[in-house]
């Protein structure tokens, strides 16, 4: 894994500096992140199963893609870049909401992120980058709710924390 820096922020998302990504994850420093949720025309979530060799949460199911903006990169540009890099997809993305969370991931790693969540819709099939993605699936909200109850450990920490808000936002957007 190449050395990458993340943007350290305060609880208002004001940049406080940068830090090497693994160091930020070991020390639980609050840093900026993006999460992308893509739906198809049927309203199904496009989920990815993270590659098993990822440094954390390998093999777990999660949103379409996620990452960290690079220093100097706008959040929306990072979201579009990672959607292309991980799933070879392009679609219009809209900022839905932001939230702060902290999760212990095991192996001395933590996620402590100010996460900017983006939502998009496309019926184009993804072409997953196998370095990032083990599998993908289009899944209904009802099926995800059942699986989150029955098999919560199959999903990433951040996905479990924001799924309900993403669903509320998507339903509201569809009814406008």
Protein backbone atom coordinates (compact mmCIF):
# COMPACT_ATOMS: atom_id res chain seq x y z
CA UNK A 1 0.00 0.00 0.00
CA UNK A 2 1.44 3.35 -1.03
CA UNK A 3 1.94 6.00 1.62
CA UNK A 4 -1.15 8.21 1.63
CA UNK A 5 -2.00 11.19 3.78
CA UNK A 6 -5.43 11.94 5.19
CA UNK A 7 -6.82 15.34 6.14
CA UNK A 8 -7.09 15.78 9.90
CA UNK A 9 -10.14 17.82 10.94
CA UNK A 10 -11.93 19.07 14.02
CA UNK A 11 -15.58 18.33 14.83
CA UNK A 12 -16.67 21.16 12.47
CA UNK A 13 -14.64 19.65 9.58
CA UNK A 14 -12.03 22.42 9.68
CA UNK A 15 -8.69 21.17 8.38
CA UNK A 16 -6.13 20.82 11.17
CA UNK A 17 -3.30 19.30 9.12
CA UNK A 18 -2.46 15.99 7.47
CA UNK A 19 -1.17 12.65 8.68
CA UNK A 20 -0.09 9.39 7.09
CA UNK A 21 -3.24 7.24 6.73
CA UNK A 22 -2.11 4.23 8.76
CA UNK A 23 -0.80 6.47 11.56
CA UNK A 24 -4.21 8.22 11.69
CA UNK A 25 -5.97 4.85 11.88
CA UNK A 26 -3.64 3.60 14.63
CA UNK A 27 -4.02 6.75 16.73
CA UNK A 28 -7.77 7.27 16.10
CA UNK A 29 -7.25 10.81 14.80
CA UNK A 30 -10.38 12.44 13.38
CA UNK A 31 -9.98 12.74 9.62
CA UNK A 32 -12.09 13.51 6.55
CA UNK A 33 -13.69 10.70 4.56
CA UNK A 34 -16.22 10.16 1.79
CA UNK A 35 -18.80 7.39 1.37
CA UNK A 36 -20.72 6.81 -1.86
CA UNK A 37 -24.05 4.98 -2.10
CA UNK A 38 -25.27 4.16 -5.60
CA UNK A 39 -28.76 2.91 -6.34
CA UNK A 40 -30.25 1.45 -9.51
CA UNK A 41 -33.62 2.46 -10.98
CA UNK A 42 -35.34 -0.25 -8.87
CA UNK A 43 -34.08 1.49 -5.71
CA UNK A 44 -31.64 -1.29 -4.87
CA UNK A 45 -28.35 -0.49 -3.17
CA UNK A 46 -25.17 -1.34 -5.05
CA UNK A 47 -23.05 -2.93 -2.33
CA UNK A 48 -19.46 -4.01 -2.52
CA UNK A 49 -17.74 -6.71 -0.59
CA UNK A 50 -14.35 -5.32 0.36
CA UNK A 51 -11.35 -7.25 -0.93
CA UNK A 52 -10.18 -9.72 1.68
CA UNK A 53 -6.65 -8.31 1.64
CA UNK A 54 -7.74 -4.80 2.70
CA UNK A 55 -5.88 -3.53 5.77
CA UNK A 56 -9.16 -3.47 7.70
CA UNK A 57 -12.71 -4.76 7.27
CA UNK A 58 -11.59 -7.17 4.53
CA UNK A 59 -14.40 -9.37 3.22
CA UNK A 60 -17.14 -7.23 4.79
CA UNK A 61 -20.03 -5.80 2.81
CA UNK A 62 -20.29 -2.05 2.55
CA UNK A 63 -21.53 0.87 0.49
CA UNK A 64 -20.59 1.23 -3.18
CA UNK A 65 -17.24 2.84 -2.36
CA UNK A 66 -15.50 4.94 0.25
CA UNK A 67 -12.17 6.61 0.81
CA UNK A 68 -10.43 9.78 1.92
CA UNK A 69 -10.04 13.02 -0.02
CA UNK A 70 -6.43 13.84 -0.78
CA UNK A 71 -4.98 17.08 0.57
CA UNK A 72 -6.23 19.86 -1.74
CA UNK A 73 -8.97 17.65 -3.28
CA UNK A 74 -12.64 18.59 -2.97
CA UNK A 75 -14.88 15.97 -1.35
CA UNK A 76 -17.08 15.56 -4.44
CA UNK A 77 -14.00 15.06 -6.62
CA UNK A 78 -12.73 12.37 -4.24
CA UNK A 79 -16.13 10.65 -4.34
CA UNK A 80 -16.16 10.64 -8.16
CA UNK A 81 -12.52 9.50 -8.32
CA UNK A 82 -13.07 6.57 -5.99
CA UNK A 83 -16.29 5.53 -7.76
CA UNK A 84 -14.27 5.32 -10.99
CA UNK A 85 -11.26 3.63 -9.37
CA UNK A 86 -13.16 1.02 -7.35
CA UNK A 87 -16.20 0.30 -9.55
CA UNK A 88 -15.46 1.89 -12.98
CA UNK A 89 -18.70 3.86 -12.67
CA UNK A 90 -19.67 7.45 -13.31
CA UNK A 91 -22.94 9.05 -12.32
CA UNK A 92 -24.20 12.29 -10.85
CA UNK A 93 -23.52 12.37 -7.11
CA UNK A 94 -25.30 14.58 -4.61
CA UNK A 95 -24.16 15.29 -1.07
CA UNK A 96 -26.73 13.76 1.28
CA UNK A 97 -25.35 14.42 4.78
CA UNK A 98 -22.23 14.22 6.92
CA UNK A 99 -21.64 12.48 10.23
CA UNK A 100 -18.82 11.79 12.66
CA UNK A 101 -18.16 8.30 13.95
CA UNK A 102 -15.50 6.34 15.78
CA UNK A 103 -15.16 2.57 15.56
CA UNK A 104 -12.56 0.13 16.82
CA UNK A 105 -11.67 -2.22 13.96
CA UNK A 106 -9.32 -4.65 15.69
CA UNK A 107 -5.57 -5.11 15.17
CA UNK A 108 -4.99 -1.74 16.85
CA UNK A 109 -6.84 0.17 14.11
CA UNK A 110 -9.65 2.69 14.44
CA UNK A 111 -11.89 4.63 12.13
CA UNK A 112 -12.57 8.12 13.46
CA UNK A 113 -14.00 9.99 10.54
CA UNK A 114 -15.91 13.06 9.54
CA UNK A 115 -17.70 11.24 6.72
CA UNK A 116 -19.34 13.07 3.80
CA UNK A 117 -22.02 10.84 2.27
CA UNK A 118 -22.91 11.06 -1.43
CA UNK A 119 -25.79 9.37 -3.25
CA UNK A 120 -26.15 8.61 -6.96
CA UNK A 121 -28.25 6.52 -9.31
CA UNK A 122 -27.22 4.49 -12.36
CA UNK A 123 -28.18 1.26 -14.06
CA UNK A 124 -24.70 0.82 -15.52
CA UNK A 125 -23.13 -2.38 -14.23
CA UNK A 126 -19.91 -1.89 -12.30
CA UNK A 127 -16.58 -3.36 -13.31
CA UNK A 128 -14.96 -3.84 -9.89
CA UNK A 129 -11.27 -3.27 -9.29
CA UNK A 130 -10.28 -6.63 -7.79
CA UNK A 131 -7.57 -4.98 -5.65
CA UNK A 132 -10.39 -3.16 -3.84
CA UNK A 133 -13.54 -5.27 -4.33
CA UNK A 134 -14.13 -9.01 -3.87
CA UNK A 135 -17.75 -8.97 -5.08
CA UNK A 136 -20.77 -6.73 -5.59
CA UNK A 137 -24.52 -7.12 -5.35
CA UNK A 138 -27.68 -5.09 -5.85
CA UNK A 139 -29.69 -5.49 -2.67
CA UNK A 140 -33.07 -4.18 -1.51
CA UNK A 141 -33.33 -2.11 1.66
CA UNK A 142 -35.54 -4.83 3.22
CA UNK A 143 -32.89 -7.48 2.60
CA UNK A 144 -30.16 -5.28 4.07
CA UNK A 145 -32.28 -4.58 7.16
CA UNK A 146 -32.79 -8.33 7.68
CA UNK A 147 -29.10 -9.08 7.21
CA UNK A 148 -27.99 -6.24 9.49
CA UNK A 149 -30.13 -7.84 12.20
CA UNK A 150 -29.16 -11.46 11.45
CA UNK A 151 -25.50 -11.02 10.43
CA UNK A 152 -24.26 -7.61 11.61
CA UNK A 153 -20.61 -8.69 11.50
CA UNK A 154 -20.88 -9.18 7.73
CA UNK A 155 -21.05 -5.36 7.28
CA UNK A 156 -18.57 -2.55 7.87
CA UNK A 157 -18.95 -0.36 10.96
CA UNK A 158 -19.66 2.84 9.01
CA UNK A 159 -22.25 1.17 6.80
CA UNK A 160 -24.21 -0.01 9.83
CA UNK A 161 -24.07 3.48 11.34
CA UNK A 162 -25.36 5.41 8.33
CA UNK A 163 -27.61 2.94 6.48
CA UNK A 164 -30.83 4.26 8.06
CA UNK A 165 -30.03 7.89 7.24
CA UNK A 166 -29.09 6.99 3.66
CA UNK A 167 -32.39 5.15 3.26
CA UNK A 168 -34.37 8.10 4.66
CA UNK A 169 -32.55 10.50 2.35
CA UNK A 170 -33.08 8.28 -0.70
CA UNK A 171 -36.81 7.87 0.01
CA UNK A 172 -37.22 11.62 0.52
CA UNK A 173 -35.33 12.31 -2.72
CA UNK A 174 -37.49 9.83 -4.66
CA UNK A 175 -40.71 11.44 -3.38
CA UNK A 176 -39.71 14.97 -4.46
